[in-house]
Amino acid sequence: MLNGLFNLLKIKKAFCDDNWDYSDEKLSDIDKKVVDKLALFFECIYRYAKNNYIYSTSRPLGECYQIKINNKGFEIGYITGQGTSFYCKKIQLDDEKNFIDYMDIVNNKKQNNVEYIENSLNNLLNILIDLYDNCIPIEAIDKTYNLFVRHINSNGQEANKVKKKTP
């Protein structure tokens, strides 16, 4: 898969899986397999990221992830319109902390902050359950949560949601 991906990106700096919908005869068998599996590749990245609390970057009509493969940067994502097309493009590998290492995906490596995030979220859940069990109305809990979200959004902190911080 990777060799085919690198070969396609030598020819173009970016490609979509629908670039060859009507002319797939222009692709070699290896390149065709890469193009056909791009959606599956995105799905693997998505599942890994979800399990490790790594969030995608929104794009107009889609989302993407930045991946580091052999010290090279790639953006892999999708665009939805009348259909959905998956794409891959070479990008500059400048701020590596925002990239998911491909080998972490292959080895299903649990990121360092996952346990901290899960414990913190469980603590928050227990606090919310305790509030509700002690007769705090759900509407009041919801109102407080919405105030928190508005506070985060108003301070522009949502843009910093991907932090690979180890406690």
N, C-alpha and C. Protein backbone atom coordinates (compact mmCIF):
# COMPACT_ATOMS: atom_id res chain seq x y z
N MET A 1 0.83 -1.20 0.00
CA MET A 1 0.00 0.00 0.00
C MET A 1 0.88 1.26 0.00
N LEU A 2 1.88 1.30 0.90
CA LEU A 2 2.70 2.50 1.01
C LEU A 2 3.52 2.78 -0.23
N ASN A 3 4.13 1.74 -0.80
CA ASN A 3 4.92 1.96 -2.01
C ASN A 3 4.05 2.52 -3.13
N GLY A 4 2.85 1.98 -3.25
CA GLY A 4 1.93 2.48 -4.27
C GLY A 4 1.52 3.91 -4.00
N LEU A 5 1.31 4.22 -2.73
CA LEU A 5 0.95 5.58 -2.34
C LEU A 5 2.08 6.54 -2.70
N PHE A 6 3.31 6.16 -2.36
CA PHE A 6 4.46 7.01 -2.67
C PHE A 6 4.63 7.18 -4.18
N ASN A 7 4.41 6.11 -4.94
CA ASN A 7 4.53 6.19 -6.39
C ASN A 7 3.51 7.16 -6.99
N LEU A 8 2.27 7.06 -6.53
CA LEU A 8 1.24 7.98 -7.03
C LEU A 8 1.58 9.43 -6.69
N LEU A 9 2.14 9.64 -5.52
CA LEU A 9 2.45 11.00 -5.09
C LEU A 9 3.73 11.54 -5.72
N LYS A 10 4.49 10.68 -6.38
CA LYS A 10 5.64 11.17 -7.16
C LYS A 10 5.13 11.86 -8.42
N ILE A 11 4.06 11.32 -8.97
CA ILE A 11 3.47 11.87 -10.19
C ILE A 11 2.68 13.14 -9.87
N LYS A 12 1.91 13.10 -8.81
CA LYS A 12 1.07 14.23 -8.41
C LYS A 12 1.36 14.55 -6.95
N LYS A 13 1.14 15.78 -6.55
CA LYS A 13 1.31 16.14 -5.15
C LYS A 13 0.08 15.76 -4.33
N ALA A 14 -1.01 15.47 -5.05
CA ALA A 14 -2.25 15.08 -4.39
C ALA A 14 -3.09 14.28 -5.38
N PHE A 15 -3.97 13.43 -4.83
CA PHE A 15 -4.91 12.71 -5.68
C PHE A 15 -6.15 12.36 -4.88
N CYS A 16 -7.25 12.18 -5.59
CA CYS A 16 -8.51 11.73 -5.01
C CYS A 16 -8.84 10.37 -5.59
N ASP A 17 -9.59 9.59 -4.83
CA ASP A 17 -9.93 8.26 -5.33
C ASP A 17 -10.87 8.30 -6.52
N ASP A 18 -11.51 9.45 -6.74
CA ASP A 18 -12.41 9.54 -7.89
C ASP A 18 -11.76 10.18 -9.13
N ASN A 19 -10.45 10.48 -9.05
CA ASN A 19 -9.75 11.07 -10.20
C ASN A 19 -9.80 10.16 -11.43
N TRP A 20 -9.89 8.86 -11.19
CA TRP A 20 -9.82 7.91 -12.29
C TRP A 20 -11.11 7.11 -12.45
N ASP A 21 -12.24 7.67 -11.99
CA ASP A 21 -13.51 6.95 -12.10
C ASP A 21 -13.81 6.51 -13.53
N TYR A 22 -13.48 7.36 -14.47
CA TYR A 22 -13.82 7.06 -15.86
C TYR A 22 -12.60 6.74 -16.71
N SER A 23 -11.45 6.62 -16.05
CA SER A 23 -10.23 6.32 -16.82
C SER A 23 -9.24 5.50 -15.99
N ASP A 24 -9.75 4.50 -15.28
CA ASP A 24 -8.86 3.74 -14.42
C ASP A 24 -7.87 2.88 -15.21
N GLU A 25 -8.06 2.79 -16.51
CA GLU A 25 -7.09 2.06 -17.35
C GLU A 25 -5.74 2.78 -17.40
N LYS A 26 -5.72 4.04 -16.99
CA LYS A 26 -4.48 4.80 -16.96
C LYS A 26 -3.62 4.45 -15.75
N LEU A 27 -4.19 3.68 -14.82
CA LEU A 27 -3.47 3.30 -13.61
C LEU A 27 -2.88 1.90 -13.74
N SER A 28 -1.73 1.69 -13.13
CA SER A 28 -1.18 0.34 -13.05
C SER A 28 -2.05 -0.44 -12.05
N ASP A 29 -1.91 -1.75 -12.05
CA ASP A 29 -2.69 -2.57 -11.12
C ASP A 29 -2.39 -2.20 -9.67
N ILE A 30 -1.13 -1.92 -9.37
CA ILE A 30 -0.75 -1.54 -8.00
C ILE A 30 -1.37 -0.20 -7.63
N ASP A 31 -1.29 0.78 -8.54
CA ASP A 31 -1.86 2.09 -8.27
C ASP A 31 -3.38 2.01 -8.11
N LYS A 32 -4.01 1.17 -8.90
CA LYS A 32 -5.46 1.00 -8.80
C LYS A 32 -5.84 0.46 -7.42
N LYS A 33 -5.06 -0.49 -6.91
CA LYS A 33 -5.33 -1.04 -5.57
C LYS A 33 -5.19 0.05 -4.50
N VAL A 34 -4.18 0.90 -4.65
CA VAL A 34 -3.99 2.00 -3.70
C VAL A 34 -5.18 2.94 -3.73
N VAL A 35 -5.59 3.32 -4.92
CA VAL A 35 -6.72 4.24 -5.06
C VAL A 35 -7.98 3.60 -4.50
N ASP A 36 -8.19 2.33 -4.80
CA ASP A 36 -9.39 1.63 -4.33
C ASP A 36 -9.42 1.47 -2.81
N LYS A 37 -8.26 1.46 -2.17
CA LYS A 37 -8.19 1.24 -0.72
C LYS A 37 -8.02 2.53 0.08
N LEU A 38 -8.05 3.67 -0.58
CA LEU A 38 -7.85 4.93 0.12
C LEU A 38 -8.93 5.16 1.18
N ALA A 39 -10.17 4.85 0.89
CA ALA A 39 -11.26 5.01 1.86
C ALA A 39 -11.04 4.10 3.06
N LEU A 40 -10.59 2.88 2.82
CA LEU A 40 -10.30 1.95 3.90
C LEU A 40 -9.13 2.45 4.75
N PHE A 41 -8.12 3.01 4.09
CA PHE A 41 -6.97 3.58 4.80
C PHE A 41 -7.44 4.71 5.72
N PHE A 42 -8.30 5.58 5.20
CA PHE A 42 -8.85 6.66 6.03
C PHE A 42 -9.61 6.07 7.21
N GLU A 43 -10.40 5.04 6.98
CA GLU A 43 -11.18 4.42 8.05
C GLU A 43 -10.26 3.87 9.15
N CYS A 44 -9.14 3.27 8.78
CA CYS A 44 -8.18 2.76 9.77
C CYS A 44 -7.61 3.90 10.60
N ILE A 45 -7.27 4.99 9.94
CA ILE A 45 -6.74 6.17 10.65
C ILE A 45 -7.81 6.72 11.59
N TYR A 46 -9.03 6.82 11.09
CA TYR A 46 -10.14 7.35 11.88
C TYR A 46 -10.36 6.52 13.15
N ARG A 47 -10.38 5.20 13.01
CA ARG A 47 -10.61 4.33 14.18
C ARG A 47 -9.48 4.45 15.20
N TYR A 48 -8.25 4.47 14.70
CA TYR A 48 -7.11 4.63 15.60
C TYR A 48 -7.20 5.97 16.33
N ALA A 49 -7.46 7.03 15.58
CA ALA A 49 -7.53 8.37 16.17
C ALA A 49 -8.64 8.44 17.22
N LYS A 50 -9.79 7.89 16.90
CA LYS A 50 -10.92 7.91 17.83
C LYS A 50 -10.56 7.20 19.14
N ASN A 51 -9.90 6.07 19.04
CA ASN A 51 -9.52 5.31 20.23
C ASN A 51 -8.45 6.00 21.06
N ASN A 52 -7.76 6.96 20.47
CA ASN A 52 -6.68 7.66 21.15
C ASN A 52 -6.98 9.14 21.38
N TYR A 53 -8.24 9.53 21.24
CA TYR A 53 -8.68 10.90 21.49
C TYR A 53 -7.90 11.91 20.63
N ILE A 54 -7.67 11.54 19.39
CA ILE A 54 -7.04 12.44 18.42
C ILE A 54 -8.15 12.84 17.46
N TYR A 55 -8.35 14.13 17.29
CA TYR A 55 -9.48 14.59 16.50
C TYR A 55 -9.03 15.11 15.15
N SER A 56 -9.89 14.92 14.20
CA SER A 56 -9.61 15.34 12.82
C SER A 56 -9.62 16.86 12.70
N THR A 57 -9.12 17.32 11.58
CA THR A 57 -9.18 18.72 11.23
C THR A 57 -10.33 18.90 10.25
N SER A 58 -11.19 19.85 10.54
CA SER A 58 -12.32 20.10 9.63
C SER A 58 -11.83 20.82 8.39
N ARG A 59 -12.39 20.43 7.28
CA ARG A 59 -12.14 21.07 5.99
C ARG A 59 -13.51 21.38 5.40
N PRO A 60 -13.58 22.34 4.48
CA PRO A 60 -14.87 22.58 3.84
C PRO A 60 -15.40 21.27 3.24
N LEU A 61 -16.56 20.86 3.68
CA LEU A 61 -17.24 19.66 3.20
C LEU A 61 -16.53 18.36 3.57
N GLY A 62 -15.71 18.36 4.62
CA GLY A 62 -15.06 17.11 5.00
C GLY A 62 -14.17 17.25 6.21
N GLU A 63 -13.26 16.31 6.34
CA GLU A 63 -12.31 16.30 7.44
C GLU A 63 -11.06 15.56 7.00
N CYS A 64 -9.97 15.71 7.77
CA CYS A 64 -8.72 15.05 7.41
C CYS A 64 -7.87 14.81 8.64
N TYR A 65 -6.86 13.98 8.45
CA TYR A 65 -5.83 13.73 9.45
C TYR A 65 -4.48 13.97 8.81
N GLN A 66 -3.54 14.41 9.62
CA GLN A 66 -2.16 14.56 9.17
C GLN A 66 -1.39 13.35 9.67
N ILE A 67 -0.72 12.68 8.74
CA ILE A 67 -0.01 11.44 9.03
C ILE A 67 1.46 11.61 8.69
N LYS A 68 2.31 11.03 9.52
CA LYS A 68 3.75 11.01 9.25
C LYS A 68 4.13 9.59 8.86
N ILE A 69 4.67 9.44 7.65
CA ILE A 69 5.12 8.13 7.16
C ILE A 69 6.56 8.29 6.69
N ASN A 70 7.47 7.56 7.31
CA ASN A 70 8.89 7.62 6.93
C ASN A 70 9.40 9.06 6.84
N ASN A 71 9.10 9.85 7.86
CA ASN A 71 9.52 11.25 7.95
C ASN A 71 9.01 12.12 6.80
N LYS A 72 7.86 11.76 6.25
CA LYS A 72 7.19 12.55 5.23
C LYS A 72 5.77 12.84 5.72
N GLY A 73 5.28 14.03 5.39
CA GLY A 73 3.95 14.43 5.84
C GLY A 73 2.89 14.23 4.78
N PHE A 74 1.72 13.77 5.22
CA PHE A 74 0.59 13.54 4.33
C PHE A 74 -0.69 14.00 5.00
N GLU A 75 -1.61 14.47 4.19
CA GLU A 75 -2.96 14.77 4.65
C GLU A 75 -3.87 13.78 3.96
N ILE A 76 -4.64 13.05 4.76
CA ILE A 76 -5.56 12.05 4.21
C ILE A 76 -6.94 12.39 4.75
N GLY A 77 -7.90 12.56 3.83
CA GLY A 77 -9.22 12.96 4.26
C GLY A 77 -10.27 12.68 3.22
N TYR A 78 -11.42 13.29 3.43
CA TYR A 78 -12.50 13.13 2.46
C TYR A 78 -13.22 14.45 2.26
N ILE A 79 -13.89 14.52 1.13
CA ILE A 79 -14.73 15.67 0.77
C ILE A 79 -16.08 15.09 0.37
N THR A 80 -17.14 15.67 0.91
CA THR A 80 -18.48 15.20 0.60
C THR A 80 -19.24 16.29 -0.12
N GLY A 81 -19.86 15.93 -1.22
CA GLY A 81 -20.71 16.84 -1.99
C GLY A 81 -21.84 16.00 -2.52
N GLN A 82 -21.89 15.83 -3.84
CA GLN A 82 -22.89 14.93 -4.41
C GLN A 82 -22.49 13.49 -4.19
N GLY A 83 -21.26 13.29 -3.84
CA GLY A 83 -20.73 11.99 -3.48
C GLY A 83 -19.61 12.24 -2.50
N THR A 84 -18.92 11.20 -2.12
CA THR A 84 -17.79 11.34 -1.21
C THR A 84 -16.54 10.86 -1.91
N SER A 85 -15.51 11.69 -1.86
CA SER A 85 -14.23 11.26 -2.43
C SER A 85 -13.17 11.41 -1.36
N PHE A 86 -12.27 10.44 -1.34
CA PHE A 86 -11.16 10.43 -0.39
C PHE A 86 -9.93 10.93 -1.11
N TYR A 87 -9.08 11.63 -0.38
CA TYR A 87 -7.89 12.20 -1.01
C TYR A 87 -6.66 12.00 -0.14
N CYS A 88 -5.53 12.14 -0.77
CA CYS A 88 -4.24 12.10 -0.10
C CYS A 88 -3.36 13.14 -0.77
N LYS A 89 -2.66 13.92 0.05
CA LYS A 89 -1.73 14.88 -0.53
C LYS A 89 -0.50 15.00 0.36
N LYS A 90 0.61 15.32 -0.28
CA LYS A 90 1.85 15.58 0.45
C LYS A 90 1.74 16.94 1.12
N ILE A 91 2.22 17.00 2.35
CA ILE A 91 2.27 18.28 3.05
C ILE A 91 3.60 18.39 3.79
N GLN A 92 3.92 19.60 4.17
CA GLN A 92 5.16 19.85 4.89
C GLN A 92 5.08 19.24 6.29
N LEU A 93 6.12 18.57 6.69
CA LEU A 93 6.19 17.96 8.02
C LEU A 93 6.90 18.95 8.94
N ASP A 94 6.18 20.01 9.34
CA ASP A 94 6.82 21.05 10.13
C ASP A 94 6.57 20.92 11.62
N ASP A 95 5.35 20.73 12.04
CA ASP A 95 5.03 20.62 13.46
C ASP A 95 4.60 19.18 13.73
N GLU A 96 5.56 18.32 14.01
CA GLU A 96 5.29 16.89 14.09
C GLU A 96 4.30 16.50 15.17
N LYS A 97 4.12 17.34 16.18
CA LYS A 97 3.21 16.95 17.26
C LYS A 97 1.77 16.86 16.79
N ASN A 98 1.44 17.48 15.67
CA ASN A 98 0.07 17.41 15.14
C ASN A 98 -0.10 16.26 14.15
N PHE A 99 0.94 15.48 13.95
CA PHE A 99 0.88 14.36 13.01
C PHE A 99 0.74 13.06 13.76
N ILE A 100 -0.02 12.15 13.18
CA ILE A 100 -0.11 10.79 13.72
C ILE A 100 0.96 9.97 13.03
N ASP A 101 1.78 9.31 13.80
CA ASP A 101 2.82 8.47 13.23
C ASP A 101 2.18 7.19 12.67
N TYR A 102 2.43 6.93 11.42
CA TYR A 102 1.86 5.76 10.75
C TYR A 102 2.18 4.47 11.51
N MET A 103 3.39 4.36 12.04
CA MET A 103 3.77 3.14 12.76
C MET A 103 2.97 2.97 14.05
N ASP A 104 2.52 4.08 14.65
CA ASP A 104 1.64 3.98 15.81
C ASP A 104 0.31 3.34 15.42
N ILE A 105 -0.16 3.67 14.22
CA ILE A 105 -1.41 3.08 13.73
C ILE A 105 -1.21 1.60 13.46
N VAL A 106 -0.13 1.27 12.75
CA VAL A 106 0.17 -0.13 12.40
C VAL A 106 0.28 -0.98 13.66
N ASN A 107 0.98 -0.44 14.68
CA ASN A 107 1.21 -1.19 15.92
C ASN A 107 0.11 -0.98 16.95
N ASN A 108 -0.90 -0.20 16.58
CA ASN A 108 -2.00 0.13 17.48
C ASN A 108 -1.48 0.63 18.83
N LYS A 109 -0.48 1.51 18.77
CA LYS A 109 0.15 2.05 19.97
C LYS A 109 -0.81 3.00 20.67
N LYS A 110 -1.04 2.73 21.93
CA LYS A 110 -1.87 3.60 22.75
C LYS A 110 -1.07 4.85 23.09
N GLN A 111 -1.63 6.02 22.80
CA GLN A 111 -0.94 7.28 23.06
C GLN A 111 -0.79 7.50 24.57
N ASN A 112 0.24 8.24 24.95
CA ASN A 112 0.58 8.44 26.36
C ASN A 112 -0.53 9.08 27.18
N ASN A 113 -1.34 9.91 26.57
CA ASN A 113 -2.35 10.65 27.32
C ASN A 113 -3.71 9.96 27.39
N VAL A 114 -3.87 8.80 26.80
CA VAL A 114 -5.18 8.14 26.75
C VAL A 114 -5.69 7.79 28.14
N GLU A 115 -4.85 7.22 28.96
CA GLU A 115 -5.28 6.82 30.31
C GLU A 115 -5.69 8.05 31.12
N TYR A 116 -4.91 9.12 31.02
CA TYR A 116 -5.24 10.36 31.72
C TYR A 116 -6.60 10.90 31.26
N ILE A 117 -6.82 10.92 29.95
CA ILE A 117 -8.09 11.42 29.41
C ILE A 117 -9.25 10.56 29.90
N GLU A 118 -9.10 9.25 29.81
CA GLU A 118 -10.18 8.35 30.23
C GLU A 118 -10.49 8.50 31.72
N ASN A 119 -9.46 8.60 32.54
CA ASN A 119 -9.67 8.78 33.99
C ASN A 119 -10.35 10.12 34.27
N SER A 120 -9.92 11.17 33.59
CA SER A 120 -10.52 12.49 33.80
C SER A 120 -11.97 12.51 33.37
N LEU A 121 -12.27 11.89 32.23
CA LEU A 121 -13.66 11.85 31.76
C LEU A 121 -14.53 11.00 32.69
N ASN A 122 -13.99 9.92 33.21
CA ASN A 122 -14.74 9.11 34.18
C ASN A 122 -15.00 9.91 35.46
N ASN A 123 -14.01 10.69 35.90
CA ASN A 123 -14.22 11.55 37.08
C ASN A 123 -15.33 12.56 36.81
N LEU A 124 -15.29 13.17 35.64
CA LEU A 124 -16.33 14.14 35.28
C LEU A 124 -17.70 13.45 35.26
N LEU A 125 -17.77 12.28 34.67
CA LEU A 125 -19.04 11.54 34.63
C LEU A 125 -19.54 11.26 36.04
N ASN A 126 -18.66 10.84 36.92
CA ASN A 126 -19.07 10.55 38.30
C ASN A 126 -19.56 11.80 39.01
N ILE A 127 -18.92 12.94 38.74
CA ILE A 127 -19.37 14.20 39.33
C ILE A 127 -20.77 14.54 38.83
N LEU A 128 -20.99 14.39 37.53
CA LEU A 128 -22.31 14.69 36.96
C LEU A 128 -23.39 13.76 37.51
N ILE A 129 -23.06 12.48 37.63
CA ILE A 129 -24.01 11.53 38.20
C ILE A 129 -24.33 11.89 39.65
N ASP A 130 -23.29 12.26 40.40
CA ASP A 130 -23.48 12.65 41.79
C ASP A 130 -24.37 13.89 41.90
N LEU A 131 -24.14 14.88 41.03
CA LEU A 131 -24.99 16.07 41.03
C LEU A 131 -26.45 15.70 40.78
N TYR A 132 -26.66 14.88 39.77
CA TYR A 132 -28.02 14.48 39.43
C TYR A 132 -28.66 13.66 40.56
N ASP A 133 -27.87 12.73 41.12
CA ASP A 133 -28.39 11.90 42.23
C ASP A 133 -28.72 12.73 43.46
N ASN A 134 -28.10 13.90 43.57
CA ASN A 134 -28.36 14.79 44.71
C ASN A 134 -29.35 15.90 44.35
N CYS A 135 -30.21 15.57 43.39
CA CYS A 135 -31.37 16.39 43.03
C CYS A 135 -31.05 17.71 42.34
N ILE A 136 -29.87 17.81 41.72
CA ILE A 136 -29.61 18.98 40.88
C ILE A 136 -30.36 18.71 39.57
N PRO A 137 -31.24 19.61 39.16
CA PRO A 137 -32.03 19.37 37.95
C PRO A 137 -31.14 19.21 36.71
N ILE A 138 -31.54 18.30 35.86
CA ILE A 138 -30.77 18.04 34.63
C ILE A 138 -30.66 19.32 33.80
N GLU A 139 -31.69 20.16 33.85
CA GLU A 139 -31.66 21.42 33.11
C GLU A 139 -30.53 22.34 33.62
N ALA A 140 -30.31 22.32 34.93
CA ALA A 140 -29.23 23.14 35.51
C ALA A 140 -27.87 22.59 35.11
N ILE A 141 -27.75 21.29 35.11
CA ILE A 141 -26.49 20.66 34.68
C ILE A 141 -26.24 20.99 33.22
N ASP A 142 -27.28 20.87 32.40
CA ASP A 142 -27.17 21.17 30.97
C ASP A 142 -26.80 22.64 30.75
N LYS A 143 -27.43 23.54 31.49
CA LYS A 143 -27.14 24.97 31.37
C LYS A 143 -25.68 25.25 31.70
N THR A 144 -25.18 24.63 32.75
CA THR A 144 -23.78 24.82 33.15
C THR A 144 -22.83 24.26 32.10
N TYR A 145 -23.16 23.12 31.55
CA TYR A 145 -22.34 22.54 30.48
C TYR A 145 -22.30 23.49 29.27
N ASN A 146 -23.45 24.03 28.90
CA ASN A 146 -23.51 24.95 27.76
C ASN A 146 -22.72 26.23 28.02
N LEU A 147 -22.72 26.71 29.26
CA LEU A 147 -21.90 27.87 29.62
C LEU A 147 -20.42 27.54 29.44
N PHE A 148 -20.04 26.36 29.85
CA PHE A 148 -18.65 25.92 29.69
C PHE A 148 -18.27 25.89 28.20
N VAL A 149 -19.11 25.32 27.37
CA VAL A 149 -18.82 25.23 25.93
C VAL A 149 -18.73 26.63 25.33
N ARG A 150 -19.65 27.52 25.70
CA ARG A 150 -19.59 28.89 25.19
C ARG A 150 -18.31 29.59 25.64
N HIS A 151 -17.90 29.36 26.86
CA HIS A 151 -16.66 29.96 27.38
C HIS A 151 -15.45 29.47 26.56
N ILE A 152 -15.38 28.19 26.31
CA ILE A 152 -14.27 27.63 25.52
C ILE A 152 -14.29 28.21 24.11
N ASN A 153 -15.45 28.23 23.49
CA ASN A 153 -15.57 28.75 22.12
C ASN A 153 -15.25 30.24 22.04
N SER A 154 -15.67 31.01 23.03
CA SER A 154 -15.42 32.45 22.99
C SER A 154 -13.94 32.78 23.18
N ASN A 155 -13.22 31.92 23.84
CA ASN A 155 -11.79 32.15 24.05
C ASN A 155 -10.93 31.55 22.95
N GLY A 156 -11.57 30.96 21.95
CA GLY A 156 -10.82 30.39 20.84
C GLY A 156 -10.02 29.16 21.23
N GLN A 157 -10.35 28.59 22.35
CA GLN A 157 -9.59 27.44 22.84
C GLN A 157 -9.94 26.16 22.11
N GLU A 158 -11.07 26.14 21.43
CA GLU A 158 -11.47 24.94 20.69
C GLU A 158 -10.45 24.59 19.61
N ALA A 159 -9.78 25.60 19.07
CA ALA A 159 -8.77 25.35 18.04
C ALA A 159 -7.59 24.58 18.59
N ASN A 160 -7.42 24.60 19.90
CA ASN A 160 -6.29 23.91 20.53
C ASN A 160 -6.70 22.56 21.09
N LYS A 161 -7.78 21.97 20.61
CA LYS A 161 -8.30 20.75 21.20
C LYS A 161 -7.40 19.55 21.05
N VAL A 162 -6.50 19.55 20.07
CA VAL A 162 -5.59 18.42 19.90
C VAL A 162 -4.30 18.76 20.62
N LYS A 163 -4.21 18.27 21.84
CA LYS A 163 -3.02 18.50 22.63
C LYS A 163 -2.48 17.15 23.05
N LYS A 164 -1.28 16.88 22.68
CA LYS A 164 -0.67 15.63 23.10
C LYS A 164 0.12 15.92 24.36
N LYS A 165 -0.60 16.25 25.40
CA LYS A 165 -0.01 16.62 26.67
C LYS A 165 -0.04 15.41 27.59
N THR A 166 1.05 15.14 28.20
CA THR A 166 1.11 14.09 29.19
C THR A 166 1.07 14.76 30.55
N PRO A 167 0.14 14.32 31.41
CA PRO A 167 -0.01 14.97 32.71
C PRO A 167 1.23 14.79 33.57
